[in-house]
Amino acid sequence: MATLIRILRGLGACALAGAACSASAQEQAQAGTDATVNPTIARQQAQEIANGDPARWYRNDPEQQTLRKELGAALQEAQNACRKAPAAERKSCLDAARSTWQRETAQLGKPMPRQ
């Protein structure tokens, strides 16, 4: 009887551990999806997408100030996302965001490729 109770407890513990791992995996899978976006922000993004590209993207900007501002905003968004990452991944995430920003700002002044 004691052995049966130990086996049942062991099975219960395994089931709980499996459920916890499954929930954790689902949370990680949803971390990069729109499901985690605030509904108010999601509506605003949908409206912006429906309006098309902003006019500022097509204005004559010889100093490329608009592009610099956009790159800075993209860096800030990436850094904010990195700060929400687990501590073990945070430094590499911030380094990747910073290197992307440096690579893209280095391209300023060079002719932009036509798409």
N, C-alpha and C. Protein backbone atom coordinates (compact mmCIF):
# COMPACT_ATOMS: atom_id res chain seq x y z
N MET A 1 0.81 -1.19 0.00
CA MET A 1 0.00 0.00 0.00
C MET A 1 0.86 1.26 0.00
N ALA A 2 1.93 1.28 0.82
CA ALA A 2 2.82 2.43 0.89
C ALA A 2 3.50 2.65 -0.47
N THR A 3 3.85 1.58 -1.14
CA THR A 3 4.48 1.69 -2.45
C THR A 3 3.51 2.29 -3.46
N LEU A 4 2.26 1.89 -3.40
CA LEU A 4 1.25 2.42 -4.29
C LEU A 4 1.07 3.92 -4.07
N ILE A 5 1.07 4.35 -2.83
CA ILE A 5 0.93 5.78 -2.53
C ILE A 5 2.13 6.55 -3.07
N ARG A 6 3.34 6.00 -2.92
CA ARG A 6 4.54 6.66 -3.45
C ARG A 6 4.46 6.78 -4.98
N ILE A 7 4.00 5.74 -5.61
CA ILE A 7 3.88 5.76 -7.08
C ILE A 7 2.86 6.82 -7.50
N LEU A 8 1.72 6.85 -6.83
CA LEU A 8 0.69 7.84 -7.18
C LEU A 8 1.19 9.26 -6.94
N ARG A 9 1.91 9.46 -5.83
CA ARG A 9 2.47 10.80 -5.58
C ARG A 9 3.48 11.17 -6.66
N GLY A 10 4.30 10.21 -7.04
CA GLY A 10 5.28 10.46 -8.10
C GLY A 10 4.62 10.81 -9.41
N LEU A 11 3.55 10.09 -9.75
CA LEU A 11 2.81 10.39 -10.98
C LEU A 11 2.16 11.77 -10.91
N GLY A 12 1.62 12.10 -9.75
CA GLY A 12 1.01 13.43 -9.58
C GLY A 12 2.05 14.54 -9.74
N ALA A 13 3.24 14.33 -9.16
CA ALA A 13 4.30 15.32 -9.28
C ALA A 13 4.75 15.47 -10.73
N CYS A 14 4.84 14.35 -11.43
CA CYS A 14 5.23 14.40 -12.85
C CYS A 14 4.18 15.14 -13.68
N ALA A 15 2.91 14.89 -13.38
CA ALA A 15 1.84 15.56 -14.11
C ALA A 15 1.88 17.06 -13.86
N LEU A 16 2.09 17.46 -12.61
CA LEU A 16 2.18 18.89 -12.31
C LEU A 16 3.38 19.53 -12.99
N ALA A 17 4.51 18.85 -12.97
CA ALA A 17 5.71 19.38 -13.62
C ALA A 17 5.49 19.51 -15.13
N GLY A 18 4.84 18.52 -15.72
CA GLY A 18 4.54 18.58 -17.15
C GLY A 18 3.62 19.72 -17.49
N ALA A 19 2.62 19.95 -16.65
CA ALA A 19 1.69 21.05 -16.89
C ALA A 19 2.41 22.39 -16.76
N ALA A 20 3.29 22.51 -15.78
CA ALA A 20 4.04 23.75 -15.60
C ALA A 20 4.96 24.02 -16.79
N CYS A 21 5.62 22.99 -17.28
CA CYS A 21 6.50 23.15 -18.44
C CYS A 21 5.70 23.53 -19.68
N SER A 22 4.53 22.92 -19.83
CA SER A 22 3.68 23.22 -20.98
C SER A 22 3.21 24.67 -20.93
N ALA A 23 2.81 25.14 -19.76
CA ALA A 23 2.36 26.52 -19.61
C ALA A 23 3.50 27.49 -19.89
N SER A 24 4.69 27.15 -19.41
CA SER A 24 5.86 28.00 -19.65
C SER A 24 6.19 28.07 -21.13
N ALA A 25 6.11 26.94 -21.81
CA ALA A 25 6.39 26.90 -23.25
C ALA A 25 5.37 27.72 -24.02
N GLN A 26 4.11 27.67 -23.61
CA GLN A 26 3.08 28.45 -24.29
C GLN A 26 3.32 29.94 -24.08
N GLU A 27 3.72 30.34 -22.87
CA GLU A 27 4.00 31.74 -22.61
C GLU A 27 5.16 32.22 -23.47
N GLN A 28 6.21 31.40 -23.59
CA GLN A 28 7.34 31.79 -24.41
C GLN A 28 6.96 31.86 -25.88
N ALA A 29 6.10 30.96 -26.33
CA ALA A 29 5.69 30.96 -27.73
C ALA A 29 4.88 32.21 -28.05
N GLN A 30 4.08 32.70 -27.10
CA GLN A 30 3.25 33.86 -27.34
C GLN A 30 4.01 35.16 -27.16
N ALA A 31 5.21 35.12 -26.57
CA ALA A 31 5.94 36.34 -26.26
C ALA A 31 6.21 37.17 -27.51
N GLY A 32 6.39 36.56 -28.66
CA GLY A 32 6.71 37.29 -29.86
C GLY A 32 5.53 37.50 -30.79
N THR A 33 4.33 37.27 -30.33
CA THR A 33 3.17 37.39 -31.19
C THR A 33 2.37 38.63 -30.85
N ASP A 34 1.39 38.94 -31.67
CA ASP A 34 0.53 40.08 -31.42
C ASP A 34 -0.41 39.85 -30.24
N ALA A 35 -0.49 38.61 -29.76
CA ALA A 35 -1.38 38.31 -28.65
C ALA A 35 -0.97 39.04 -27.39
N THR A 36 0.29 39.45 -27.30
CA THR A 36 0.76 40.14 -26.10
C THR A 36 0.68 41.66 -26.22
N VAL A 37 0.25 42.16 -27.37
CA VAL A 37 0.17 43.60 -27.58
C VAL A 37 -1.09 44.15 -26.91
N ASN A 38 -0.93 45.26 -26.24
CA ASN A 38 -2.05 45.94 -25.61
C ASN A 38 -3.13 46.21 -26.67
N PRO A 39 -4.42 45.92 -26.40
CA PRO A 39 -5.47 46.10 -27.40
C PRO A 39 -5.57 47.53 -27.92
N THR A 40 -5.34 48.53 -27.06
CA THR A 40 -5.40 49.92 -27.51
C THR A 40 -4.29 50.19 -28.52
N ILE A 41 -3.10 49.70 -28.23
CA ILE A 41 -1.97 49.89 -29.15
C ILE A 41 -2.21 49.11 -30.43
N ALA A 42 -2.78 47.92 -30.34
CA ALA A 42 -3.07 47.12 -31.53
C ALA A 42 -4.03 47.86 -32.45
N ARG A 43 -5.06 48.50 -31.88
CA ARG A 43 -6.00 49.28 -32.72
C ARG A 43 -5.29 50.45 -33.40
N GLN A 44 -4.43 51.14 -32.65
CA GLN A 44 -3.69 52.26 -33.23
C GLN A 44 -2.78 51.78 -34.36
N GLN A 45 -2.11 50.65 -34.15
CA GLN A 45 -1.24 50.11 -35.19
C GLN A 45 -2.04 49.73 -36.43
N ALA A 46 -3.21 49.15 -36.23
CA ALA A 46 -4.06 48.77 -37.36
C ALA A 46 -4.47 50.01 -38.16
N GLN A 47 -4.80 51.09 -37.47
CA GLN A 47 -5.17 52.34 -38.15
C GLN A 47 -3.98 52.89 -38.93
N GLU A 48 -2.79 52.86 -38.33
CA GLU A 48 -1.60 53.36 -39.01
C GLU A 48 -1.29 52.54 -40.26
N ILE A 49 -1.45 51.23 -40.16
CA ILE A 49 -1.19 50.36 -41.30
C ILE A 49 -2.20 50.64 -42.41
N ALA A 50 -3.47 50.87 -42.03
CA ALA A 50 -4.51 51.15 -43.02
C ALA A 50 -4.24 52.46 -43.75
N ASN A 51 -3.61 53.42 -43.06
CA ASN A 51 -3.32 54.72 -43.68
C ASN A 51 -2.13 54.66 -44.62
N GLY A 52 -1.36 53.60 -44.58
CA GLY A 52 -0.20 53.48 -45.45
C GLY A 52 1.04 54.13 -44.85
N ASP A 53 2.08 54.25 -45.66
CA ASP A 53 3.35 54.83 -45.20
C ASP A 53 3.16 56.28 -44.81
N PRO A 54 3.83 56.72 -43.75
CA PRO A 54 3.75 58.13 -43.37
C PRO A 54 4.41 59.02 -44.43
N ALA A 55 3.88 60.19 -44.62
CA ALA A 55 4.41 61.12 -45.63
C ALA A 55 5.85 61.49 -45.33
N ARG A 56 6.23 61.51 -44.05
CA ARG A 56 7.60 61.92 -43.68
C ARG A 56 8.65 61.00 -44.29
N TRP A 57 8.26 59.79 -44.64
CA TRP A 57 9.22 58.88 -45.23
C TRP A 57 9.63 59.30 -46.63
N TYR A 58 8.84 60.16 -47.27
CA TYR A 58 9.08 60.51 -48.67
C TYR A 58 9.46 61.97 -48.86
N ARG A 59 9.59 62.74 -47.77
CA ARG A 59 10.01 64.14 -47.87
C ARG A 59 11.51 64.19 -48.17
N ASN A 60 11.89 65.28 -48.84
CA ASN A 60 13.30 65.50 -49.09
C ASN A 60 13.98 65.79 -47.75
N ASP A 61 14.93 65.00 -47.39
CA ASP A 61 15.60 65.13 -46.09
C ASP A 61 17.09 64.89 -46.29
N PRO A 62 17.81 65.91 -46.82
CA PRO A 62 19.22 65.71 -47.13
C PRO A 62 20.08 65.35 -45.91
N GLU A 63 19.71 65.79 -44.73
CA GLU A 63 20.48 65.47 -43.52
C GLU A 63 20.05 64.12 -42.94
N GLN A 64 19.02 63.53 -43.50
CA GLN A 64 18.47 62.24 -43.07
C GLN A 64 18.09 62.26 -41.59
N GLN A 65 17.57 63.39 -41.13
CA GLN A 65 17.16 63.52 -39.73
C GLN A 65 15.99 62.60 -39.41
N THR A 66 15.07 62.47 -40.35
CA THR A 66 13.92 61.59 -40.11
C THR A 66 14.38 60.15 -39.94
N LEU A 67 15.28 59.74 -40.79
CA LEU A 67 15.78 58.37 -40.70
C LEU A 67 16.55 58.15 -39.40
N ARG A 68 17.33 59.14 -38.99
CA ARG A 68 18.05 59.04 -37.72
C ARG A 68 17.07 58.90 -36.55
N LYS A 69 16.00 59.67 -36.62
CA LYS A 69 14.97 59.62 -35.56
C LYS A 69 14.29 58.25 -35.56
N GLU A 70 13.98 57.72 -36.73
CA GLU A 70 13.35 56.40 -36.83
C GLU A 70 14.28 55.32 -36.29
N LEU A 71 15.57 55.41 -36.61
CA LEU A 71 16.54 54.43 -36.12
C LEU A 71 16.67 54.51 -34.60
N GLY A 72 16.64 55.72 -34.07
CA GLY A 72 16.70 55.88 -32.62
C GLY A 72 15.48 55.29 -31.94
N ALA A 73 14.31 55.49 -32.54
CA ALA A 73 13.07 54.93 -31.99
C ALA A 73 13.10 53.40 -32.05
N ALA A 74 13.63 52.86 -33.15
CA ALA A 74 13.72 51.40 -33.27
C ALA A 74 14.68 50.84 -32.22
N LEU A 75 15.78 51.54 -31.97
CA LEU A 75 16.71 51.10 -30.94
C LEU A 75 16.03 51.11 -29.58
N GLN A 76 15.29 52.17 -29.29
CA GLN A 76 14.60 52.27 -28.00
C GLN A 76 13.59 51.14 -27.82
N GLU A 77 12.84 50.82 -28.88
CA GLU A 77 11.87 49.71 -28.80
C GLU A 77 12.59 48.38 -28.55
N ALA A 78 13.70 48.18 -29.24
CA ALA A 78 14.46 46.93 -29.07
C ALA A 78 15.01 46.83 -27.65
N GLN A 79 15.52 47.94 -27.12
CA GLN A 79 16.06 47.94 -25.76
C GLN A 79 14.96 47.66 -24.75
N ASN A 80 13.78 48.24 -24.96
CA ASN A 80 12.66 47.97 -24.05
C ASN A 80 12.27 46.50 -24.08
N ALA A 81 12.27 45.91 -25.26
CA ALA A 81 11.95 44.48 -25.37
C ALA A 81 13.02 43.64 -24.69
N CYS A 82 14.28 44.04 -24.83
CA CYS A 82 15.37 43.29 -24.20
C CYS A 82 15.27 43.35 -22.69
N ARG A 83 14.85 44.47 -22.15
CA ARG A 83 14.74 44.60 -20.70
C ARG A 83 13.68 43.68 -20.12
N LYS A 84 12.75 43.26 -20.95
CA LYS A 84 11.70 42.34 -20.49
C LYS A 84 12.14 40.89 -20.63
N ALA A 85 13.25 40.66 -21.29
CA ALA A 85 13.76 39.29 -21.50
C ALA A 85 14.35 38.76 -20.20
N PRO A 86 14.49 37.44 -20.09
CA PRO A 86 15.15 36.87 -18.91
C PRO A 86 16.56 37.43 -18.75
N ALA A 87 17.02 37.51 -17.53
CA ALA A 87 18.33 38.11 -17.23
C ALA A 87 19.46 37.45 -18.01
N ALA A 88 19.37 36.15 -18.21
CA ALA A 88 20.44 35.43 -18.91
C ALA A 88 20.56 35.86 -20.37
N GLU A 89 19.46 36.31 -20.97
CA GLU A 89 19.46 36.68 -22.39
C GLU A 89 19.59 38.19 -22.60
N ARG A 90 19.45 38.96 -21.53
CA ARG A 90 19.34 40.42 -21.64
C ARG A 90 20.58 41.05 -22.27
N LYS A 91 21.77 40.69 -21.83
CA LYS A 91 22.98 41.33 -22.33
C LYS A 91 23.18 41.06 -23.82
N SER A 92 22.99 39.83 -24.25
CA SER A 92 23.18 39.52 -25.67
C SER A 92 22.12 40.21 -26.52
N CYS A 93 20.91 40.32 -25.98
CA CYS A 93 19.84 41.01 -26.70
C CYS A 93 20.17 42.50 -26.87
N LEU A 94 20.63 43.13 -25.78
CA LEU A 94 21.00 44.55 -25.85
C LEU A 94 22.18 44.76 -26.79
N ASP A 95 23.15 43.85 -26.76
CA ASP A 95 24.30 43.94 -27.67
C ASP A 95 23.85 43.83 -29.13
N ALA A 96 22.93 42.92 -29.40
CA ALA A 96 22.44 42.75 -30.77
C ALA A 96 21.68 43.99 -31.23
N ALA A 97 20.87 44.56 -30.35
CA ALA A 97 20.12 45.77 -30.69
C ALA A 97 21.08 46.92 -30.98
N ARG A 98 22.09 47.07 -30.15
CA ARG A 98 23.07 48.14 -30.32
C ARG A 98 23.87 47.95 -31.61
N SER A 99 24.26 46.72 -31.93
CA SER A 99 25.04 46.48 -33.15
C SER A 99 24.19 46.72 -34.39
N THR A 100 22.90 46.37 -34.32
CA THR A 100 22.01 46.64 -35.45
C THR A 100 21.90 48.15 -35.67
N TRP A 101 21.71 48.89 -34.58
CA TRP A 101 21.61 50.35 -34.67
C TRP A 101 22.90 50.94 -35.24
N GLN A 102 24.06 50.47 -34.78
CA GLN A 102 25.34 50.98 -35.27
C GLN A 102 25.52 50.67 -36.75
N ARG A 103 25.15 49.45 -37.16
CA ARG A 103 25.29 49.06 -38.56
C ARG A 103 24.39 49.93 -39.45
N GLU A 104 23.16 50.17 -38.99
CA GLU A 104 22.22 50.94 -39.82
C GLU A 104 22.57 52.42 -39.83
N THR A 105 23.05 52.97 -38.72
CA THR A 105 23.45 54.39 -38.73
C THR A 105 24.72 54.58 -39.54
N ALA A 106 25.57 53.55 -39.63
CA ALA A 106 26.77 53.65 -40.47
C ALA A 106 26.38 53.76 -41.95
N GLN A 107 25.21 53.24 -42.29
CA GLN A 107 24.75 53.29 -43.68
C GLN A 107 24.21 54.67 -44.05
N LEU A 108 23.96 55.54 -43.06
CA LEU A 108 23.48 56.88 -43.35
C LEU A 108 24.53 57.62 -44.18
N GLY A 109 24.09 58.40 -45.10
CA GLY A 109 25.01 59.12 -45.97
C GLY A 109 25.35 58.34 -47.22
N LYS A 110 25.18 57.04 -47.16
CA LYS A 110 25.39 56.21 -48.36
C LYS A 110 24.06 56.15 -49.10
N PRO A 111 24.09 55.99 -50.40
CA PRO A 111 22.81 55.89 -51.14
C PRO A 111 21.98 54.71 -50.65
N MET A 112 20.70 54.96 -50.45
CA MET A 112 19.80 53.91 -50.02
C MET A 112 19.44 53.03 -51.22
N PRO A 113 19.44 51.72 -51.05
CA PRO A 113 19.06 50.84 -52.17
C PRO A 113 17.58 50.99 -52.49
N ARG A 114 17.26 51.00 -53.76
CA ARG A 114 15.86 51.08 -54.21
C ARG A 114 15.20 49.72 -54.04
N GLN A 115 13.95 49.74 -53.62
CA GLN A 115 13.23 48.47 -53.47
C GLN A 115 12.13 48.37 -54.48
